[in-house]
């Protein structure tokens, strides 16, 4: 009997954790506050400008960095920008900041 109750408690804990995860992930599709949309858009724009500038000035930057380092910086810039934009979608609308 003790093992049965222990198993039921583990299942309840897992179900509770799944509900928390679903609640967090479910917030992704809810409206994002205007402030956080601006932050995400700014991160993406800055990353795009840095990546395009790195590509444009690739030959000039080769004097300072190796080609592998330049490519790594460009890829890191793009990944951070897209990741920043993606993560801001997890903020939920609390009040009347909907735009």
C-alpha atoms as a PDB file:
ATOM      1  CA  UNK A   1       0.000   0.000   0.000  1.00  0.00           C
ATOM      2  CA  UNK A   2       2.845   2.389   0.750  1.00  0.00           C
ATOM      3  CA  UNK A   3       4.260   2.057  -2.756  1.00  0.00           C
ATOM      4  CA  UNK A   4       0.865   2.696  -4.310  1.00  0.00           C
ATOM      5  CA  UNK A   5       0.479   6.000  -2.436  1.00  0.00           C
ATOM      6  CA  UNK A   6       4.039   6.954  -3.311  1.00  0.00           C
ATOM      7  CA  UNK A   7       3.349   6.240  -6.990  1.00  0.00           C
ATOM      8  CA  UNK A   8       0.160   8.308  -6.864  1.00  0.00           C
ATOM      9  CA  UNK A   9       2.061  11.218  -5.297  1.00  0.00           C
ATOM     10  CA  UNK A  10       4.702  11.056  -8.051  1.00  0.00           C
ATOM     11  CA  UNK A  11       1.980  11.082 -10.709  1.00  0.00           C
ATOM     12  CA  UNK A  12       0.259  14.056  -9.042  1.00  0.00           C
ATOM     13  CA  UNK A  13       3.562  15.912  -8.891  1.00  0.00           C
ATOM     14  CA  UNK A  14       4.212  15.224 -12.587  1.00  0.00           C
ATOM     15  CA  UNK A  15       0.706  16.363 -13.523  1.00  0.00           C
ATOM     16  CA  UNK A  16       1.173  19.524 -11.465  1.00  0.00           C
ATOM     17  CA  UNK A  17       4.485  20.233 -13.171  1.00  0.00           C
ATOM     18  CA  UNK A  18       2.942  19.633 -16.612  1.00  0.00           C
ATOM     19  CA  UNK A  19       0.174  22.130 -15.799  1.00  0.00           C
ATOM     20  CA  UNK A  20       2.789  24.739 -14.851  1.00  0.00           C
ATOM     21  CA  UNK A  21       4.698  24.138 -18.090  1.00  0.00           C
ATOM     22  CA  UNK A  22       1.510  24.260 -20.176  1.00  0.00           C
ATOM     23  CA  UNK A  23       0.499  27.506 -18.458  1.00  0.00           C
ATOM     24  CA  UNK A  24       3.913  29.030 -19.232  1.00  0.00           C
ATOM     25  CA  UNK A  25       3.981  27.830 -22.833  1.00  0.00           C
ATOM     26  CA  UNK A  26       0.325  28.795 -23.317  1.00  0.00           C
ATOM     27  CA  UNK A  27       1.341  32.389 -22.618  1.00  0.00           C
ATOM     28  CA  UNK A  28       3.377  32.405 -25.823  1.00  0.00           C
ATOM     29  CA  UNK A  29       0.274  32.916 -27.960  1.00  0.00           C
ATOM     30  CA  UNK A  30      -1.281  35.572 -25.709  1.00  0.00           C
ATOM     31  CA  UNK A  31      -0.834  39.250 -26.586  1.00  0.00           C
ATOM     32  CA  UNK A  32       2.634  40.613 -25.780  1.00  0.00           C
ATOM     33  CA  UNK A  33       2.766  43.986 -23.984  1.00  0.00           C
ATOM     34  CA  UNK A  34       3.850  46.901 -26.146  1.00  0.00           C
ATOM     35  CA  UNK A  35       6.997  47.498 -24.054  1.00  0.00           C
ATOM     36  CA  UNK A  36       8.251  43.929 -24.562  1.00  0.00           C
ATOM     37  CA  UNK A  37       7.391  43.935 -28.264  1.00  0.00           C
ATOM     38  CA  UNK A  38       9.572  47.018 -28.639  1.00  0.00           C
ATOM     39  CA  UNK A  39      12.406  45.368 -26.704  1.00  0.00           C
ATOM     40  CA  UNK A  40      12.206  42.244 -28.891  1.00  0.00           C
ATOM     41  CA  UNK A  41      12.024  44.253 -32.100  1.00  0.00           C
ATOM     42  CA  UNK A  42      14.992  46.376 -30.990  1.00  0.00           C
ATOM     43  CA  UNK A  43      17.072  43.283 -30.227  1.00  0.00           C
ATOM     44  CA  UNK A  44      16.260  41.804 -33.611  1.00  0.00           C
ATOM     45  CA  UNK A  45      16.989  45.076 -35.440  1.00  0.00           C
ATOM     46  CA  UNK A  46      20.320  45.572 -33.646  1.00  0.00           C
ATOM     47  CA  UNK A  47      21.361  41.993 -34.368  1.00  0.00           C
ATOM     48  CA  UNK A  48      20.436  42.397 -38.028  1.00  0.00           C
ATOM     49  CA  UNK A  49      22.424  45.617 -38.361  1.00  0.00           C
ATOM     50  CA  UNK A  50      25.470  44.022 -36.706  1.00  0.00           C
ATOM     51  CA  UNK A  51      25.250  40.934 -38.892  1.00  0.00           C
ATOM     52  CA  UNK A  52      24.817  42.915 -42.116  1.00  0.00           C
ATOM     53  CA  UNK A  53      27.654  45.267 -41.123  1.00  0.00           C
ATOM     54  CA  UNK A  54      29.881  42.278 -40.406  1.00  0.00           C
ATOM     55  CA  UNK A  55      29.126  40.783 -43.794  1.00  0.00           C
ATOM     56  CA  UNK A  56      29.570  44.100 -45.565  1.00  0.00           C
ATOM     57  CA  UNK A  57      32.917  44.858 -43.915  1.00  0.00           C
ATOM     58  CA  UNK A  58      34.153  41.269 -43.937  1.00  0.00           C
ATOM     59  CA  UNK A  59      37.309  42.086 -45.936  1.00  0.00           C
ATOM     60  CA  UNK A  60      38.243  45.025 -43.678  1.00  0.00           C
ATOM     61  CA  UNK A  61      37.632  43.005 -40.505  1.00  0.00           C
ATOM     62  CA  UNK A  62      39.931  40.210 -41.709  1.00  0.00           C
ATOM     63  CA  UNK A  63      42.877  42.442 -40.751  1.00  0.00           C
ATOM     64  CA  UNK A  64      41.739  42.374 -37.108  1.00  0.00           C
ATOM     65  CA  UNK A  65      39.963  39.019 -36.747  1.00  0.00           C
ATOM     66  CA  UNK A  66      40.275  35.633 -38.402  1.00  0.00           C
ATOM     67  CA  UNK A  67      37.491  34.705 -40.853  1.00  0.00           C
ATOM     68  CA  UNK A  68      36.260  32.060 -38.409  1.00  0.00           C
ATOM     69  CA  UNK A  69      35.958  34.636 -35.609  1.00  0.00           C
ATOM     70  CA  UNK A  70      34.042  37.028 -37.867  1.00  0.00           C
ATOM     71  CA  UNK A  71      31.642  34.303 -38.955  1.00  0.00           C
ATOM     72  CA  UNK A  72      31.161  33.283 -35.312  1.00  0.00           C
ATOM     73  CA  UNK A  73      30.323  36.864 -34.316  1.00  0.00           C
ATOM     74  CA  UNK A  74      27.855  37.211 -37.184  1.00  0.00           C
ATOM     75  CA  UNK A  75      26.123  33.929 -36.352  1.00  0.00           C
ATOM     76  CA  UNK A  76      26.058  34.777 -32.624  1.00  0.00           C
ATOM     77  CA  UNK A  77      24.526  38.161 -33.425  1.00  0.00           C
ATOM     78  CA  UNK A  78      21.767  36.616 -35.522  1.00  0.00           C
ATOM     79  CA  UNK A  79      21.036  33.881 -32.965  1.00  0.00           C
ATOM     80  CA  UNK A  80      20.888  36.333 -30.042  1.00  0.00           C
ATOM     81  CA  UNK A  81      18.592  38.682 -31.942  1.00  0.00           C
ATOM     82  CA  UNK A  82      16.154  35.969 -32.973  1.00  0.00           C
ATOM     83  CA  UNK A  83      16.281  34.366 -29.527  1.00  0.00           C
ATOM     84  CA  UNK A  84      15.618  37.734 -27.875  1.00  0.00           C
ATOM     85  CA  UNK A  85      12.627  38.350 -30.120  1.00  0.00           C
ATOM     86  CA  UNK A  86      11.327  34.832 -29.477  1.00  0.00           C
ATOM     87  CA  UNK A  87      11.688  35.079 -25.684  1.00  0.00           C
ATOM     88  CA  UNK A  88       9.776  38.361 -25.471  1.00  0.00           C
ATOM     89  CA  UNK A  89       6.719  36.492 -26.736  1.00  0.00           C
ATOM     90  CA  UNK A  90       6.482  34.697 -23.376  1.00  0.00           C
ATOM     91  CA  UNK A  91       5.501  37.915 -21.565  1.00  0.00           C
ATOM     92  CA  UNK A  92       1.741  38.093 -21.045  1.00  0.00           C
ATOM     93  CA  UNK A  93      -0.548  41.069 -21.381  1.00  0.00           C
ATOM     94  CA  UNK A  94      -1.459  42.261 -17.875  1.00  0.00           C
ATOM     95  CA  UNK A  95      -3.391  45.433 -18.401  1.00  0.00           C
ATOM     96  CA  UNK A  96      -4.391  47.934 -21.039  1.00  0.00           C
ATOM     97  CA  UNK A  97      -0.984  48.076 -22.754  1.00  0.00           C
ATOM     98  CA  UNK A  98      -2.363  46.252 -25.785  1.00  0.00           C
ATOM     99  CA  UNK A  99      -1.466  47.933 -29.069  1.00  0.00           C
END
